[in-house]
Amino acid sequence: MHPKLTPEMREALLEKPGQPVTVEDDQTHLHYILLPLKVYQRVRSIFGDESFDVVDTYAAQSAVAGSAGWDDPEMDVYDDYDSHRAVP
């Protein structure tokens, strides 16, 4: 079943192209989001897999952080940031 957009929904979508639009069921008062299929597919690919655990990404994050210069000795100054702050 593919419900059709009401003219009001279509107008709201046209006012914010590519952006999500909140709609309310006038009987249940529940709120829903209308968004373009491409946006939904991107979000679903990120959050749709219930087996996703951020811990699984730690190794990749560590590799990227190291390659981004975090291991650079010049970054050591940030480890002692508070001692360099002006105290009012």
PDB file of N, CA and C in Angstrom:
ATOM      1  N   MET A   1       0.843  -1.181   0.000  1.00  0.00           N
ATOM      2  CA  MET A   1       0.000   0.000   0.000  1.00  0.00           C
ATOM      3  C   MET A   1       0.887   1.243   0.000  1.00  0.00           C
ATOM      4  N   HIS A   2       0.629   2.158  -0.902  1.00  0.00           N
ATOM      5  CA  HIS A   2       1.361   3.413  -0.988  1.00  0.00           C
ATOM      6  C   HIS A   2       0.376   4.570  -0.847  1.00  0.00           C
ATOM      7  N   PRO A   3       0.200   5.082   0.374  1.00  0.00           N
ATOM      8  CA  PRO A   3      -0.706   6.224   0.536  1.00  0.00           C
ATOM      9  C   PRO A   3      -0.225   7.409  -0.298  1.00  0.00           C
ATOM     10  N   LYS A   4      -1.140   8.205  -0.722  1.00  0.00           N
ATOM     11  CA  LYS A   4      -0.817   9.375  -1.539  1.00  0.00           C
ATOM     12  C   LYS A   4      -0.650  10.597  -0.654  1.00  0.00           C
ATOM     13  N   LEU A   5       0.206  11.503  -1.097  1.00  0.00           N
ATOM     14  CA  LEU A   5       0.392  12.759  -0.379  1.00  0.00           C
ATOM     15  C   LEU A   5      -0.856  13.613  -0.488  1.00  0.00           C
ATOM     16  N   THR A   6      -1.148  14.291   0.592  1.00  0.00           N
ATOM     17  CA  THR A   6      -2.227  15.274   0.536  1.00  0.00           C
ATOM     18  C   THR A   6      -1.639  16.547  -0.070  1.00  0.00           C
ATOM     19  N   PRO A   7      -2.484  17.436  -0.574  1.00  0.00           N
ATOM     20  CA  PRO A   7      -1.962  18.706  -1.084  1.00  0.00           C
ATOM     21  C   PRO A   7      -1.169  19.473  -0.013  1.00  0.00           C
ATOM     22  N   GLU A   8      -1.614  19.392   1.245  1.00  0.00           N
ATOM     23  CA  GLU A   8      -0.922  20.076   2.343  1.00  0.00           C
ATOM     24  C   GLU A   8       0.490  19.504   2.541  1.00  0.00           C
ATOM     25  N   MET A   9       0.616  18.170   2.477  1.00  0.00           N
ATOM     26  CA  MET A   9       1.926  17.536   2.620  1.00  0.00           C
ATOM     27  C   MET A   9       2.837  17.926   1.461  1.00  0.00           C
ATOM     28  N   ARG A  10       2.291  17.892   0.255  1.00  0.00           N
ATOM     29  CA  ARG A  10       3.071  18.247  -0.931  1.00  0.00           C
ATOM     30  C   ARG A  10       3.588  19.678  -0.817  1.00  0.00           C
ATOM     31  N   GLU A  11       2.741  20.575  -0.366  1.00  0.00           N
ATOM     32  CA  GLU A  11       3.142  21.980  -0.216  1.00  0.00           C
ATOM     33  C   GLU A  11       4.280  22.103   0.809  1.00  0.00           C
ATOM     34  N   ALA A  12       4.165  21.385   1.933  1.00  0.00           N
ATOM     35  CA  ALA A  12       5.209  21.429   2.958  1.00  0.00           C
ATOM     36  C   ALA A  12       6.529  20.889   2.408  1.00  0.00           C
ATOM     37  N   LEU A  13       6.473  19.825   1.617  1.00  0.00           N
ATOM     38  CA  LEU A  13       7.682  19.262   1.020  1.00  0.00           C
ATOM     39  C   LEU A  13       8.300  20.223   0.008  1.00  0.00           C
ATOM     40  N   LEU A  14       7.466  20.917  -0.736  1.00  0.00           N
ATOM     41  CA  LEU A  14       7.971  21.879  -1.727  1.00  0.00           C
ATOM     42  C   LEU A  14       8.606  23.093  -1.059  1.00  0.00           C
ATOM     43  N   GLU A  15       8.117  23.438   0.131  1.00  0.00           N
ATOM     44  CA  GLU A  15       8.683  24.583   0.856  1.00  0.00           C
ATOM     45  C   GLU A  15      10.089  24.285   1.364  1.00  0.00           C
ATOM     46  N   LYS A  16      10.378  23.004   1.626  1.00  0.00           N
ATOM     47  CA  LYS A  16      11.688  22.587   2.146  1.00  0.00           C
ATOM     48  C   LYS A  16      12.226  21.452   1.293  1.00  0.00           C
ATOM     49  N   PRO A  17      12.634  21.725   0.069  1.00  0.00           N
ATOM     50  CA  PRO A  17      13.092  20.649  -0.816  1.00  0.00           C
ATOM     51  C   PRO A  17      14.239  19.841  -0.195  1.00  0.00           C
ATOM     52  N   GLY A  18      14.080  18.526  -0.217  1.00  0.00           N
ATOM     53  CA  GLY A  18      15.113  17.645   0.293  1.00  0.00           C
ATOM     54  C   GLY A  18      15.198  17.547   1.799  1.00  0.00           C
ATOM     55  N   GLN A  19      14.345  18.275   2.505  1.00  0.00           N
ATOM     56  CA  GLN A  19      14.386  18.281   3.966  1.00  0.00           C
ATOM     57  C   GLN A  19      13.234  17.471   4.547  1.00  0.00           C
ATOM     58  N   PRO A  20      13.401  16.932   5.748  1.00  0.00           N
ATOM     59  CA  PRO A  20      12.301  16.203   6.385  1.00  0.00           C
ATOM     60  C   PRO A  20      11.175  17.144   6.781  1.00  0.00           C
ATOM     61  N   VAL A  21       9.955  16.638   6.718  1.00  0.00           N
ATOM     62  CA  VAL A  21       8.770  17.406   7.099  1.00  0.00           C
ATOM     63  C   VAL A  21       8.017  16.601   8.159  1.00  0.00           C
ATOM     64  N   THR A  22       7.658  17.237   9.264  1.00  0.00           N
ATOM     65  CA  THR A  22       6.910  16.573  10.322  1.00  0.00           C
ATOM     66  C   THR A  22       5.425  16.665  10.021  1.00  0.00           C
ATOM     67  N   VAL A  23       4.731  15.531  10.144  1.00  0.00           N
ATOM     68  CA  VAL A  23       3.279  15.500   9.972  1.00  0.00           C
ATOM     69  C   VAL A  23       2.662  14.864  11.214  1.00  0.00           C
ATOM     70  N   GLU A  24       1.409  15.200  11.481  1.00  0.00           N
ATOM     71  CA  GLU A  24       0.714  14.672  12.648  1.00  0.00           C
ATOM     72  C   GLU A  24      -0.535  13.923  12.222  1.00  0.00           C
ATOM     73  N   ASP A  25      -0.736  12.762  12.801  1.00  0.00           N
ATOM     74  CA  ASP A  25      -1.961  12.000  12.590  1.00  0.00           C
ATOM     75  C   ASP A  25      -3.032  12.669  13.440  1.00  0.00           C
ATOM     76  N   ASP A  26      -4.074  13.180  12.801  1.00  0.00           N
ATOM     77  CA  ASP A  26      -5.087  13.933  13.548  1.00  0.00           C
ATOM     78  C   ASP A  26      -5.934  13.057  14.465  1.00  0.00           C
ATOM     79  N   GLN A  27      -5.872  11.742  14.306  1.00  0.00           N
ATOM     80  CA  GLN A  27      -6.627  10.849  15.190  1.00  0.00           C
ATOM     81  C   GLN A  27      -5.797  10.382  16.386  1.00  0.00           C
ATOM     82  N   THR A  28      -4.556   9.997  16.155  1.00  0.00           N
ATOM     83  CA  THR A  28      -3.715   9.481  17.242  1.00  0.00           C
ATOM     84  C   THR A  28      -2.809  10.548  17.837  1.00  0.00           C
ATOM     85  N   HIS A  29      -2.639  11.643  17.116  1.00  0.00           N
ATOM     86  CA  HIS A  29      -1.743  12.742  17.497  1.00  0.00           C
ATOM     87  C   HIS A  29      -0.274  12.316  17.533  1.00  0.00           C
ATOM     88  N   LEU A  30       0.034  11.204  16.873  1.00  0.00           N
ATOM     89  CA  LEU A  30       1.424  10.794  16.720  1.00  0.00           C
ATOM     90  C   LEU A  30       2.056  11.607  15.602  1.00  0.00           C
ATOM     91  N   HIS A  31       3.342  11.877  15.734  1.00  0.00           N
ATOM     92  CA  HIS A  31       4.068  12.632  14.723  1.00  0.00           C
ATOM     93  C   HIS A  31       4.921  11.688  13.884  1.00  0.00           C
ATOM     94  N   TYR A  32       5.012  12.004  12.609  1.00  0.00           N
ATOM     95  CA  TYR A  32       5.797  11.219  11.659  1.00  0.00           C
ATOM     96  C   TYR A  32       6.651  12.175  10.848  1.00  0.00           C
ATOM     97  N   ILE A  33       7.653  11.617  10.208  1.00  0.00           N
ATOM     98  CA  ILE A  33       8.545  12.405   9.368  1.00  0.00           C
ATOM     99  C   ILE A  33       8.412  11.945   7.922  1.00  0.00           C
ATOM    100  N   LEU A  34       8.188  12.896   7.040  1.00  0.00           N
ATOM    101  CA  LEU A  34       8.238  12.637   5.597  1.00  0.00           C
ATOM    102  C   LEU A  34       9.607  13.091   5.122  1.00  0.00           C
ATOM    103  N   LEU A  35      10.303  12.212   4.421  1.00  0.00           N
ATOM    104  CA  LEU A  35      11.567  12.619   3.851  1.00  0.00           C
ATOM    105  C   LEU A  35      11.784  11.904   2.535  1.00  0.00           C
ATOM    106  N   PRO A  36      12.577  12.513   1.671  1.00  0.00           N
ATOM    107  CA  PRO A  36      12.838  11.890   0.375  1.00  0.00           C
ATOM    108  C   PRO A  36      13.440  10.494   0.552  1.00  0.00           C
ATOM    109  N   LEU A  37      13.098   9.596  -0.341  1.00  0.00           N
ATOM    110  CA  LEU A  37      13.565   8.216  -0.262  1.00  0.00           C
ATOM    111  C   LEU A  37      15.083   8.138  -0.183  1.00  0.00           C
ATOM    112  N   LYS A  38      15.790   8.957  -0.950  1.00  0.00           N
ATOM    113  CA  LYS A  38      17.257   8.928  -0.927  1.00  0.00           C
ATOM    114  C   LYS A  38      17.795   9.258   0.463  1.00  0.00           C
ATOM    115  N   VAL A  39      17.178  10.213   1.133  1.00  0.00           N
ATOM    116  CA  VAL A  39      17.604  10.584   2.488  1.00  0.00           C
ATOM    117  C   VAL A  39      17.323   9.430   3.440  1.00  0.00           C
ATOM    118  N   TYR A  40      16.135   8.855   3.343  1.00  0.00           N
ATOM    119  CA  TYR A  40      15.775   7.714   4.191  1.00  0.00           C
ATOM    120  C   TYR A  40      16.764   6.568   4.013  1.00  0.00           C
ATOM    121  N   GLN A  41      17.134   6.270   2.778  1.00  0.00           N
ATOM    122  CA  GLN A  41      18.054   5.165   2.512  1.00  0.00           C
ATOM    123  C   GLN A  41      19.426   5.424   3.131  1.00  0.00           C
ATOM    124  N   ARG A  42      19.870   6.694   3.099  1.00  0.00           N
ATOM    125  CA  ARG A  42      21.151   7.023   3.728  1.00  0.00           C
ATOM    126  C   ARG A  42      21.068   6.840   5.235  1.00  0.00           C
ATOM    127  N   VAL A  43      20.001   7.327   5.847  1.00  0.00           N
ATOM    128  CA  VAL A  43      19.835   7.200   7.289  1.00  0.00           C
ATOM    129  C   VAL A  43      19.702   5.736   7.674  1.00  0.00           C
ATOM    130  N   ARG A  44      18.934   5.019   6.927  1.00  0.00           N
ATOM    131  CA  ARG A  44      18.729   3.593   7.214  1.00  0.00           C
ATOM    132  C   ARG A  44      20.039   2.827   7.130  1.00  0.00           C
ATOM    133  N   SER A  45      20.884   3.181   6.165  1.00  0.00           N
ATOM    134  CA  SER A  45      22.161   2.482   6.033  1.00  0.00           C
ATOM    135  C   SER A  45      23.057   2.755   7.233  1.00  0.00           C
ATOM    136  N   ILE A  46      22.883   3.889   7.880  1.00  0.00           N
ATOM    137  CA  ILE A  46      23.692   4.215   9.055  1.00  0.00           C
ATOM    138  C   ILE A  46      23.126   3.557  10.305  1.00  0.00           C
ATOM    139  N   PHE A  47      21.811   3.694  10.506  1.00  0.00           N
ATOM    140  CA  PHE A  47      21.190   3.247  11.745  1.00  0.00           C
ATOM    141  C   PHE A  47      20.312   2.010  11.610  1.00  0.00           C
ATOM    142  N   GLY A  48      20.122   1.543  10.376  1.00  0.00           N
ATOM    143  CA  GLY A  48      19.189   0.454  10.162  1.00  0.00           C
ATOM    144  C   GLY A  48      19.656  -0.897  10.655  1.00  0.00           C
ATOM    145  N   ASP A  49      20.944  -1.094  10.752  1.00  0.00           N
ATOM    146  CA  ASP A  49      21.466  -2.377  11.193  1.00  0.00           C
ATOM    147  C   ASP A  49      21.497  -2.409  12.714  1.00  0.00           C
ATOM    148  N   GLU A  50      20.594  -3.171  13.313  1.00  0.00           N
ATOM    149  CA  GLU A  50      20.498  -3.208  14.769  1.00  0.00           C
ATOM    150  C   GLU A  50      21.711  -3.863  15.421  1.00  0.00           C
ATOM    151  N   SER A  51      22.517  -4.573  14.643  1.00  0.00           N
ATOM    152  CA  SER A  51      23.693  -5.204  15.221  1.00  0.00           C
ATOM    153  C   SER A  51      24.873  -4.236  15.276  1.00  0.00           C
ATOM    154  N   PHE A  52      24.685  -3.007  14.802  1.00  0.00           N
ATOM    155  CA  PHE A  52      25.755  -2.010  14.808  1.00  0.00           C
ATOM    156  C   PHE A  52      26.134  -1.646  16.239  1.00  0.00           C
ATOM    157  N   ASP A  53      27.428  -1.646  16.517  1.00  0.00           N
ATOM    158  CA  ASP A  53      27.935  -1.229  17.816  1.00  0.00           C
ATOM    159  C   ASP A  53      29.113  -0.300  17.552  1.00  0.00           C
ATOM    160  N   VAL A  54      29.075   0.888  18.113  1.00  0.00           N
ATOM    161  CA  VAL A  54      30.128   1.872  17.869  1.00  0.00           C
ATOM    162  C   VAL A  54      31.504   1.314  18.255  1.00  0.00           C
ATOM    163  N   VAL A  55      31.552   0.419  19.200  1.00  0.00           N
ATOM    164  CA  VAL A  55      32.820  -0.193  19.606  1.00  0.00           C
ATOM    165  C   VAL A  55      33.504  -0.861  18.416  1.00  0.00           C
ATOM    166  N   ASP A  56      32.709  -1.382  17.488  1.00  0.00           N
ATOM    167  CA  ASP A  56      33.272  -2.022  16.299  1.00  0.00           C
ATOM    168  C   ASP A  56      34.069  -1.041  15.439  1.00  0.00           C
ATOM    169  N   THR A  57      33.880   0.239  15.620  1.00  0.00           N
ATOM    170  CA  THR A  57      34.576   1.237  14.806  1.00  0.00           C
ATOM    171  C   THR A  57      35.830   1.786  15.470  1.00  0.00           C
ATOM    172  N   TYR A  58      36.103   1.397  16.712  1.00  0.00           N
ATOM    173  CA  TYR A  58      37.227   1.979  17.453  1.00  0.00           C
ATOM    174  C   TYR A  58      38.572   1.780  16.755  1.00  0.00           C
ATOM    175  N   ALA A  59      38.804   0.620  16.206  1.00  0.00           N
ATOM    176  CA  ALA A  59      40.085   0.368  15.537  1.00  0.00           C
ATOM    177  C   ALA A  59      40.274   1.326  14.360  1.00  0.00           C
ATOM    178  N   ALA A  60      39.226   1.507  13.576  1.00  0.00           N
ATOM    179  CA  ALA A  60      39.312   2.420  12.437  1.00  0.00           C
ATOM    180  C   ALA A  60      39.485   3.860  12.902  1.00  0.00           C
ATOM    181  N   GLN A  61      38.772   4.230  13.964  1.00  0.00           N
ATOM    182  CA  GLN A  61      38.899   5.588  14.488  1.00  0.00           C
ATOM    183  C   GLN A  61      40.319   5.841  14.982  1.00  0.00           C
ATOM    184  N   SER A  62      40.893   4.866  15.648  1.00  0.00           N
ATOM    185  CA  SER A  62      42.245   5.001  16.173  1.00  0.00           C
ATOM    186  C   SER A  62      43.246   5.178  15.036  1.00  0.00           C
ATOM    187  N   ALA A  63      43.070   4.396  13.988  1.00  0.00           N
ATOM    188  CA  ALA A  63      43.978   4.497  12.842  1.00  0.00           C
ATOM    189  C   ALA A  63      43.885   5.868  12.192  1.00  0.00           C
ATOM    190  N   VAL A  64      42.671   6.383  12.065  1.00  0.00           N
ATOM    191  CA  VAL A  64      42.474   7.697  11.447  1.00  0.00           C
ATOM    192  C   VAL A  64      43.023   8.793  12.344  1.00  0.00           C
ATOM    193  N   ALA A  65      42.764   8.711  13.648  1.00  0.00           N
ATOM    194  CA  ALA A  65      43.245   9.734  14.571  1.00  0.00           C
ATOM    195  C   ALA A  65      44.767   9.788  14.569  1.00  0.00           C
ATOM    196  N   GLY A  66      45.407   8.626  14.541  1.00  0.00           N
ATOM    197  CA  GLY A  66      46.861   8.601  14.514  1.00  0.00           C
ATOM    198  C   GLY A  66      47.405   9.212  13.245  1.00  0.00           C
ATOM    199  N   SER A  67      46.763   8.922  12.141  1.00  0.00           N
ATOM    200  CA  SER A  67      47.246   9.457  10.870  1.00  0.00           C
ATOM    201  C   SER A  67      46.911  10.930  10.709  1.00  0.00           C
ATOM    202  N   ALA A  68      46.021  11.442  11.555  1.00  0.00           N
ATOM    203  CA  ALA A  68      45.640  12.850  11.461  1.00  0.00           C
ATOM    204  C   ALA A  68      46.578  13.744  12.250  1.00  0.00           C
ATOM    205  N   GLY A  69      47.620  13.169  12.867  1.00  0.00           N
ATOM    206  CA  GLY A  69      48.596  13.992  13.557  1.00  0.00           C
ATOM    207  C   GLY A  69      48.491  13.961  15.060  1.00  0.00           C
ATOM    208  N   TRP A  70      47.610  13.153  15.612  1.00  0.00           N
ATOM    209  CA  TRP A  70      47.466  13.111  17.069  1.00  0.00           C
ATOM    210  C   TRP A  70      48.731  12.602  17.744  1.00  0.00           C
ATOM    211  N   ASP A  71      49.505  11.809  17.039  1.00  0.00           N
ATOM    212  CA  ASP A  71      50.747  11.295  17.611  1.00  0.00           C
ATOM    213  C   ASP A  71      51.918  12.250  17.400  1.00  0.00           C
ATOM    214  N   ASP A  72      51.677  13.351  16.739  1.00  0.00           N
ATOM    215  CA  ASP A  72      52.711  14.343  16.475  1.00  0.00           C
ATOM    216  C   ASP A  72      53.133  14.995  17.796  1.00  0.00           C
ATOM    217  N   PRO A  73      54.426  15.064  18.103  1.00  0.00           N
ATOM    218  CA  PRO A  73      54.888  15.677  19.358  1.00  0.00           C
ATOM    219  C   PRO A  73      54.400  17.120  19.544  1.00  0.00           C
ATOM    220  N   GLU A  74      54.158  17.835  18.452  1.00  0.00           N
ATOM    221  CA  GLU A  74      53.658  19.212  18.567  1.00  0.00           C
ATOM    222  C   GLU A  74      52.255  19.261  19.154  1.00  0.00           C
ATOM    223  N   MET A  75      51.549  18.133  19.136  1.00  0.00           N
ATOM    224  CA  MET A  75      50.199  18.090  19.700  1.00  0.00           C
ATOM    225  C   MET A  75      50.222  17.931  21.220  1.00  0.00           C
ATOM    226  N   ASP A  76      51.388  17.654  21.804  1.00  0.00           N
ATOM    227  CA  ASP A  76      51.496  17.452  23.251  1.00  0.00           C
ATOM    228  C   ASP A  76      51.042  18.686  24.033  1.00  0.00           C
ATOM    229  N   VAL A  77      51.155  19.844  23.444  1.00  0.00           N
ATOM    230  CA  VAL A  77      50.735  21.065  24.132  1.00  0.00           C
ATOM    231  C   VAL A  77      49.252  21.008  24.512  1.00  0.00           C
ATOM    232  N   TYR A  78      48.452  20.285  23.756  1.00  0.00           N
ATOM    233  CA  TYR A  78      47.027  20.173  24.046  1.00  0.00           C
ATOM    234  C   TYR A  78      46.752  19.289  25.263  1.00  0.00           C
ATOM    235  N   ASP A  79      47.705  18.433  25.624  1.00  0.00           N
ATOM    236  CA  ASP A  79      47.541  17.607  26.813  1.00  0.00           C
ATOM    237  C   ASP A  79      47.624  18.436  28.086  1.00  0.00           C
ATOM    238  N   ASP A  80      48.256  19.599  27.997  1.00  0.00           N
ATOM    239  CA  ASP A  80      48.445  20.459  29.165  1.00  0.00           C
ATOM    240  C   ASP A  80      47.749  21.803  28.946  1.00  0.00           C
ATOM    241  N   TYR A  81      46.624  21.776  28.283  1.00  0.00           N
ATOM    242  CA  TYR A  81      45.914  22.998  27.889  1.00  0.00           C
ATOM    243  C   TYR A  81      45.533  23.869  29.092  1.00  0.00           C
ATOM    244  N   ASP A  82      45.010  23.245  30.151  1.00  0.00           N
ATOM    245  CA  ASP A  82      44.500  24.023  31.279  1.00  0.00           C
ATOM    246  C   ASP A  82      45.556  24.878  31.947  1.00  0.00           C
ATOM    247  N   SER A  83      46.792  24.428  31.990  1.00  0.00           N
ATOM    248  CA  SER A  83      47.838  25.207  32.643  1.00  0.00           C
ATOM    249  C   SER A  83      48.194  26.469  31.858  1.00  0.00           C
ATOM    250  N   HIS A  84      47.832  26.516  30.591  1.00  0.00           N
ATOM    251  CA  HIS A  84      48.132  27.674  29.742  1.00  0.00           C
ATOM    252  C   HIS A  84      46.975  28.666  29.662  1.00  0.00           C
ATOM    253  N   ARG A  85      45.831  28.269  30.218  1.00  0.00           N
ATOM    254  CA  ARG A  85      44.665  29.143  30.170  1.00  0.00           C
ATOM    255  C   ARG A  85      44.806  30.296  31.142  1.00  0.00           C
ATOM    256  N   ALA A  86      44.325  31.441  30.729  1.00  0.00           N
ATOM    257  CA  ALA A  86      44.322  32.598  31.636  1.00  0.00           C
ATOM    258  C   ALA A  86      43.247  32.401  32.688  1.00  0.00           C
ATOM    259  N   VAL A  87      43.595  32.619  33.950  1.00  0.00           N
ATOM    260  CA  VAL A  87      42.630  32.464  35.030  1.00  0.00           C
ATOM    261  C   VAL A  87      42.109  33.854  35.388  1.00  0.00           C
ATOM    262  N   PRO A  88      40.787  34.022  35.391  1.00  0.00           N
ATOM    263  CA  PRO A  88      40.223  35.358  35.693  1.00  0.00           C
ATOM    264  C   PRO A  88      40.422  35.770  37.125  1.00  0.00           C
TER     265      PRO A  88
END
